Amino acid sequence: MEENEAGLIQDRILKRMREFCELCGGTVVSLNHVVNWRGNAWINAPIITKRIILTRSETDGSLYAQLNSKDPKKSRRVPYAITSRGLCAVEVEELSVAGENNCISD
């Protein structure tokens, strides 16, 4: 447990992610379970350039994927719906119906 107080476990996980990306030219998508409980190791990791947050609008309850980038000009929101096919991008005026061709997974 003491090892993780300083975020050492997260540092090792982030190092492996970086090695994978460099070796395979891939992208790693992870969930908040990897985050240091204080957030420091995760927030300050140099390999992470983009964070995608899945959120719900407080005004109308619609779902959005919010891309947060270290470059504020690249931050944006994309509406999505959860369907039997996975996460699907939707048009703003069609928030209740998911676009069949824009699904992340089948």
N, C-alpha and C. Protein backbone atom coordinates (compact mmCIF):
# COMPACT_ATOMS: atom_id res chain seq x y z
N MET A 1 0.81 -1.20 0.00
CA MET A 1 0.00 0.00 0.00
C MET A 1 0.86 1.26 0.00
N GLU A 2 1.97 1.25 0.75
CA GLU A 2 2.84 2.43 0.80
C GLU A 2 3.38 2.76 -0.58
N GLU A 3 3.64 1.71 -1.37
CA GLU A 3 4.17 1.91 -2.72
C GLU A 3 3.24 2.79 -3.54
N ASN A 4 1.95 2.65 -3.32
CA ASN A 4 1.00 3.40 -4.13
C ASN A 4 0.73 4.79 -3.58
N GLU A 5 1.15 5.08 -2.36
CA GLU A 5 0.94 6.42 -1.80
C GLU A 5 1.60 7.48 -2.68
N ALA A 6 2.72 7.17 -3.28
CA ALA A 6 3.42 8.12 -4.14
C ALA A 6 3.05 7.94 -5.61
N GLY A 7 2.08 7.08 -5.89
CA GLY A 7 1.66 6.87 -7.28
C GLY A 7 2.60 5.98 -8.07
N LEU A 8 3.42 5.16 -7.40
CA LEU A 8 4.40 4.34 -8.11
C LEU A 8 3.75 3.29 -9.00
N ILE A 9 2.63 2.72 -8.57
CA ILE A 9 1.94 1.73 -9.40
C ILE A 9 1.44 2.39 -10.67
N GLN A 10 0.83 3.57 -10.54
CA GLN A 10 0.35 4.29 -11.72
C GLN A 10 1.51 4.66 -12.64
N ASP A 11 2.65 5.05 -12.06
CA ASP A 11 3.81 5.38 -12.89
C ASP A 11 4.24 4.19 -13.73
N ARG A 12 4.23 2.98 -13.14
CA ARG A 12 4.60 1.78 -13.90
C ARG A 12 3.59 1.50 -15.00
N ILE A 13 2.30 1.67 -14.70
CA ILE A 13 1.26 1.45 -15.72
C ILE A 13 1.43 2.45 -16.86
N LEU A 14 1.65 3.71 -16.53
CA LEU A 14 1.83 4.74 -17.56
C LEU A 14 3.07 4.47 -18.40
N LYS A 15 4.14 3.97 -17.78
CA LYS A 15 5.36 3.63 -18.52
C LYS A 15 5.07 2.52 -19.53
N ARG A 16 4.31 1.51 -19.12
CA ARG A 16 3.96 0.42 -20.05
C ARG A 16 3.08 0.94 -21.18
N MET A 17 2.16 1.83 -20.87
CA MET A 17 1.32 2.41 -21.93
C MET A 17 2.18 3.17 -22.94
N ARG A 18 3.12 3.96 -22.44
CA ARG A 18 4.00 4.72 -23.33
C ARG A 18 4.83 3.78 -24.20
N GLU A 19 5.38 2.71 -23.60
CA GLU A 19 6.17 1.74 -24.37
C GLU A 19 5.32 1.09 -25.45
N PHE A 20 4.09 0.73 -25.13
CA PHE A 20 3.19 0.13 -26.12
C PHE A 20 2.94 1.10 -27.27
N CYS A 21 2.64 2.35 -26.94
CA CYS A 21 2.36 3.34 -27.99
C CYS A 21 3.56 3.55 -28.90
N GLU A 22 4.75 3.62 -28.31
CA GLU A 22 5.96 3.84 -29.10
C GLU A 22 6.30 2.62 -29.95
N LEU A 23 6.16 1.43 -29.39
CA LEU A 23 6.51 0.20 -30.09
C LEU A 23 5.52 -0.13 -31.20
N CYS A 24 4.24 -0.01 -30.91
CA CYS A 24 3.21 -0.45 -31.85
C CYS A 24 2.54 0.70 -32.60
N GLY A 25 2.86 1.92 -32.24
CA GLY A 25 2.19 3.05 -32.88
C GLY A 25 0.70 3.07 -32.57
N GLY A 26 0.35 2.54 -31.40
CA GLY A 26 -1.05 2.43 -31.04
C GLY A 26 -1.52 3.54 -30.13
N THR A 27 -2.77 3.46 -29.78
CA THR A 27 -3.40 4.38 -28.85
C THR A 27 -3.95 3.57 -27.70
N VAL A 28 -3.79 4.05 -26.50
CA VAL A 28 -4.30 3.37 -25.32
C VAL A 28 -5.50 4.15 -24.80
N VAL A 29 -6.59 3.43 -24.58
CA VAL A 29 -7.78 4.02 -23.97
C VAL A 29 -7.95 3.34 -22.63
N SER A 30 -8.02 4.12 -21.58
CA SER A 30 -8.20 3.52 -20.26
C SER A 30 -9.29 4.27 -19.51
N LEU A 31 -9.78 3.63 -18.48
CA LEU A 31 -10.82 4.23 -17.66
C LEU A 31 -10.22 4.79 -16.38
N ASN A 32 -11.03 5.42 -15.59
CA ASN A 32 -10.53 6.09 -14.39
C ASN A 32 -9.96 5.15 -13.34
N HIS A 33 -10.05 3.85 -13.51
CA HIS A 33 -9.52 2.91 -12.52
C HIS A 33 -8.00 2.96 -12.44
N VAL A 34 -7.34 3.53 -13.43
CA VAL A 34 -5.89 3.62 -13.43
C VAL A 34 -5.42 4.87 -12.69
N VAL A 35 -6.33 5.78 -12.45
CA VAL A 35 -5.98 7.08 -11.88
C VAL A 35 -5.50 6.95 -10.44
N ASN A 36 -4.41 7.64 -10.14
CA ASN A 36 -3.94 7.77 -8.77
C ASN A 36 -5.04 8.45 -7.97
N TRP A 37 -5.32 8.00 -6.78
CA TRP A 37 -6.44 8.56 -6.03
C TRP A 37 -6.28 10.05 -5.79
N ARG A 38 -5.07 10.54 -5.80
CA ARG A 38 -4.84 11.99 -5.70
C ARG A 38 -4.81 12.62 -7.08
N GLY A 39 -4.72 11.81 -8.11
CA GLY A 39 -4.75 12.31 -9.47
C GLY A 39 -3.43 12.78 -10.04
N ASN A 40 -2.41 12.94 -9.21
CA ASN A 40 -1.17 13.56 -9.66
C ASN A 40 -0.45 12.78 -10.76
N ALA A 41 -0.27 11.48 -10.58
CA ALA A 41 0.45 10.69 -11.58
C ALA A 41 -0.28 10.71 -12.91
N TRP A 42 -1.58 10.64 -12.85
CA TRP A 42 -2.37 10.58 -14.08
C TRP A 42 -2.42 11.94 -14.78
N ILE A 43 -2.73 12.98 -14.04
CA ILE A 43 -2.90 14.31 -14.62
C ILE A 43 -1.61 14.83 -15.23
N ASN A 44 -0.48 14.53 -14.60
CA ASN A 44 0.80 15.08 -15.05
C ASN A 44 1.58 14.15 -15.97
N ALA A 45 1.01 13.02 -16.35
CA ALA A 45 1.73 12.07 -17.20
C ALA A 45 2.02 12.71 -18.56
N PRO A 46 3.29 12.74 -18.98
CA PRO A 46 3.63 13.39 -20.25
C PRO A 46 3.08 12.66 -21.48
N ILE A 47 2.76 11.38 -21.37
CA ILE A 47 2.30 10.64 -22.55
C ILE A 47 0.85 10.93 -22.87
N ILE A 48 0.10 11.43 -21.88
CA ILE A 48 -1.32 11.66 -22.10
C ILE A 48 -1.51 13.05 -22.66
N THR A 49 -1.93 13.12 -23.91
CA THR A 49 -2.15 14.42 -24.54
C THR A 49 -3.62 14.74 -24.68
N LYS A 50 -4.47 13.73 -24.60
CA LYS A 50 -5.90 13.95 -24.74
C LYS A 50 -6.64 13.12 -23.70
N ARG A 51 -7.67 13.69 -23.17
CA ARG A 51 -8.55 12.97 -22.25
C ARG A 51 -9.96 13.11 -22.79
N ILE A 52 -10.66 12.00 -22.88
CA ILE A 52 -12.05 12.03 -23.34
C ILE A 52 -12.92 11.71 -22.14
N ILE A 53 -13.81 12.62 -21.83
CA ILE A 53 -14.70 12.46 -20.69
C ILE A 53 -16.10 12.22 -21.22
N LEU A 54 -16.73 11.14 -20.76
CA LEU A 54 -18.12 10.87 -21.12
C LEU A 54 -18.98 11.53 -20.06
N THR A 55 -19.85 12.44 -20.48
CA THR A 55 -20.62 13.23 -19.53
C THR A 55 -22.06 13.41 -19.98
N ARG A 56 -22.90 13.83 -19.07
CA ARG A 56 -24.32 14.07 -19.36
C ARG A 56 -24.59 15.56 -19.18
N SER A 57 -25.30 16.15 -20.14
CA SER A 57 -25.66 17.56 -20.07
C SER A 57 -26.59 17.80 -18.89
N GLU A 58 -26.33 18.83 -18.11
CA GLU A 58 -27.19 19.15 -16.98
C GLU A 58 -28.51 19.77 -17.43
N THR A 59 -28.53 20.35 -18.62
CA THR A 59 -29.75 21.03 -19.07
C THR A 59 -30.77 20.07 -19.67
N ASP A 60 -30.34 19.20 -20.59
CA ASP A 60 -31.31 18.32 -21.26
C ASP A 60 -31.05 16.83 -21.06
N GLY A 61 -30.02 16.46 -20.33
CA GLY A 61 -29.75 15.06 -20.04
C GLY A 61 -29.09 14.29 -21.17
N SER A 62 -28.75 14.95 -22.28
CA SER A 62 -28.12 14.25 -23.39
C SER A 62 -26.67 13.92 -23.05
N LEU A 63 -26.12 12.90 -23.72
CA LEU A 63 -24.77 12.42 -23.45
C LEU A 63 -23.77 13.07 -24.40
N TYR A 64 -22.59 13.41 -23.89
CA TYR A 64 -21.54 14.01 -24.70
C TYR A 64 -20.21 13.34 -24.40
N ALA A 65 -19.39 13.20 -25.43
CA ALA A 65 -17.99 12.84 -25.25
C ALA A 65 -17.23 14.15 -25.35
N GLN A 66 -16.59 14.53 -24.27
CA GLN A 66 -15.86 15.80 -24.20
C GLN A 66 -14.38 15.50 -24.36
N LEU A 67 -13.77 16.02 -25.42
CA LEU A 67 -12.34 15.85 -25.64
C LEU A 67 -11.62 17.01 -24.97
N ASN A 68 -10.84 16.71 -23.97
CA ASN A 68 -10.04 17.73 -23.30
C ASN A 68 -8.60 17.54 -23.71
N SER A 69 -8.03 18.51 -24.35
CA SER A 69 -6.67 18.44 -24.83
C SER A 69 -5.83 19.48 -24.09
N LYS A 70 -4.54 19.25 -24.03
CA LYS A 70 -3.66 20.26 -23.43
C LYS A 70 -3.64 21.51 -24.31
N ASP A 71 -4.02 21.37 -25.57
CA ASP A 71 -4.16 22.51 -26.48
C ASP A 71 -5.64 22.91 -26.49
N PRO A 72 -6.00 24.04 -25.85
CA PRO A 72 -7.42 24.40 -25.72
C PRO A 72 -8.13 24.59 -27.06
N LYS A 73 -7.38 24.83 -28.14
CA LYS A 73 -8.02 24.99 -29.45
C LYS A 73 -8.54 23.66 -29.98
N LYS A 74 -8.08 22.55 -29.41
CA LYS A 74 -8.49 21.24 -29.89
C LYS A 74 -9.58 20.60 -29.02
N SER A 75 -10.02 21.29 -27.97
CA SER A 75 -11.07 20.74 -27.11
C SER A 75 -12.42 20.88 -27.80
N ARG A 76 -13.26 19.84 -27.70
CA ARG A 76 -14.58 19.90 -28.32
C ARG A 76 -15.50 18.85 -27.71
N ARG A 77 -16.80 18.99 -28.00
CA ARG A 77 -17.81 18.05 -27.51
C ARG A 77 -18.48 17.38 -28.69
N VAL A 78 -18.77 16.10 -28.52
CA VAL A 78 -19.47 15.34 -29.54
C VAL A 78 -20.62 14.61 -28.85
N PRO A 79 -21.86 14.80 -29.33
CA PRO A 79 -22.98 14.07 -28.73
C PRO A 79 -22.92 12.59 -29.10
N TYR A 80 -23.34 11.72 -28.20
CA TYR A 80 -23.37 10.28 -28.48
C TYR A 80 -24.56 9.66 -27.78
N ALA A 81 -24.86 8.44 -28.18
CA ALA A 81 -25.92 7.66 -27.54
C ALA A 81 -25.38 6.26 -27.28
N ILE A 82 -25.91 5.62 -26.26
CA ILE A 82 -25.54 4.24 -25.95
C ILE A 82 -26.63 3.36 -26.53
N THR A 83 -26.24 2.48 -27.47
CA THR A 83 -27.20 1.60 -28.12
C THR A 83 -26.73 0.16 -27.97
N SER A 84 -27.47 -0.76 -28.54
CA SER A 84 -27.05 -2.17 -28.51
C SER A 84 -25.79 -2.39 -29.35
N ARG A 85 -25.45 -1.43 -30.21
CA ARG A 85 -24.24 -1.54 -31.04
C ARG A 85 -23.02 -0.90 -30.38
N GLY A 86 -23.19 -0.21 -29.27
CA GLY A 86 -22.07 0.45 -28.60
C GLY A 86 -22.31 1.94 -28.47
N LEU A 87 -21.22 2.71 -28.37
CA LEU A 87 -21.32 4.17 -28.31
C LEU A 87 -21.42 4.69 -29.74
N CYS A 88 -22.46 5.46 -30.03
CA CYS A 88 -22.68 5.96 -31.39
C CYS A 88 -22.78 7.47 -31.39
N ALA A 89 -22.06 8.11 -32.30
CA ALA A 89 -22.17 9.56 -32.46
C ALA A 89 -23.54 9.89 -33.04
N VAL A 90 -24.09 11.01 -32.60
CA VAL A 90 -25.40 11.43 -33.09
C VAL A 90 -25.35 12.89 -33.51
N GLU A 91 -26.27 13.27 -34.38
CA GLU A 91 -26.40 14.67 -34.77
C GLU A 91 -27.04 15.42 -33.62
N VAL A 92 -26.71 16.68 -33.48
CA VAL A 92 -27.24 17.47 -32.37
C VAL A 92 -28.76 17.48 -32.37
N GLU A 93 -29.38 17.60 -33.54
CA GLU A 93 -30.85 17.64 -33.60
C GLU A 93 -31.48 16.26 -33.47
N GLU A 94 -30.67 15.19 -33.44
CA GLU A 94 -31.19 13.83 -33.33
C GLU A 94 -30.67 13.14 -32.08
N LEU A 95 -30.58 13.84 -30.98
CA LEU A 95 -29.95 13.29 -29.78
C LEU A 95 -30.60 12.01 -29.28
N SER A 96 -31.87 11.79 -29.58
CA SER A 96 -32.53 10.59 -29.08
C SER A 96 -32.32 9.38 -29.98
N VAL A 97 -31.79 9.58 -31.21
CA VAL A 97 -31.59 8.48 -32.16
C VAL A 97 -30.12 8.42 -32.53
N ALA A 98 -29.49 7.26 -32.33
CA ALA A 98 -28.07 7.11 -32.64
C ALA A 98 -27.86 6.85 -34.12
N GLY A 99 -26.80 7.43 -34.67
CA GLY A 99 -26.44 7.18 -36.06
C GLY A 99 -25.81 5.81 -36.21
N GLU A 100 -26.37 4.96 -37.03
CA GLU A 100 -25.90 3.58 -37.18
C GLU A 100 -24.47 3.51 -37.72
N ASN A 101 -24.06 4.46 -38.55
CA ASN A 101 -22.73 4.38 -39.16
C ASN A 101 -21.64 4.99 -38.30
N ASN A 102 -22.00 5.55 -37.16
CA ASN A 102 -21.02 6.24 -36.34
C ASN A 102 -20.72 5.54 -35.03
N CYS A 103 -20.93 4.24 -34.98
CA CYS A 103 -20.74 3.49 -33.74
C CYS A 103 -19.27 3.16 -33.52
N ILE A 104 -18.85 3.20 -32.26
CA ILE A 104 -17.49 2.83 -31.91
C ILE A 104 -17.29 1.33 -32.02
N SER A 105 -18.29 0.55 -31.60
CA SER A 105 -18.15 -0.90 -31.68
C SER A 105 -19.49 -1.54 -31.99
N ASP A 106 -19.44 -2.72 -32.57
CA ASP A 106 -20.65 -3.49 -32.86
C ASP A 106 -20.84 -4.56 -31.82
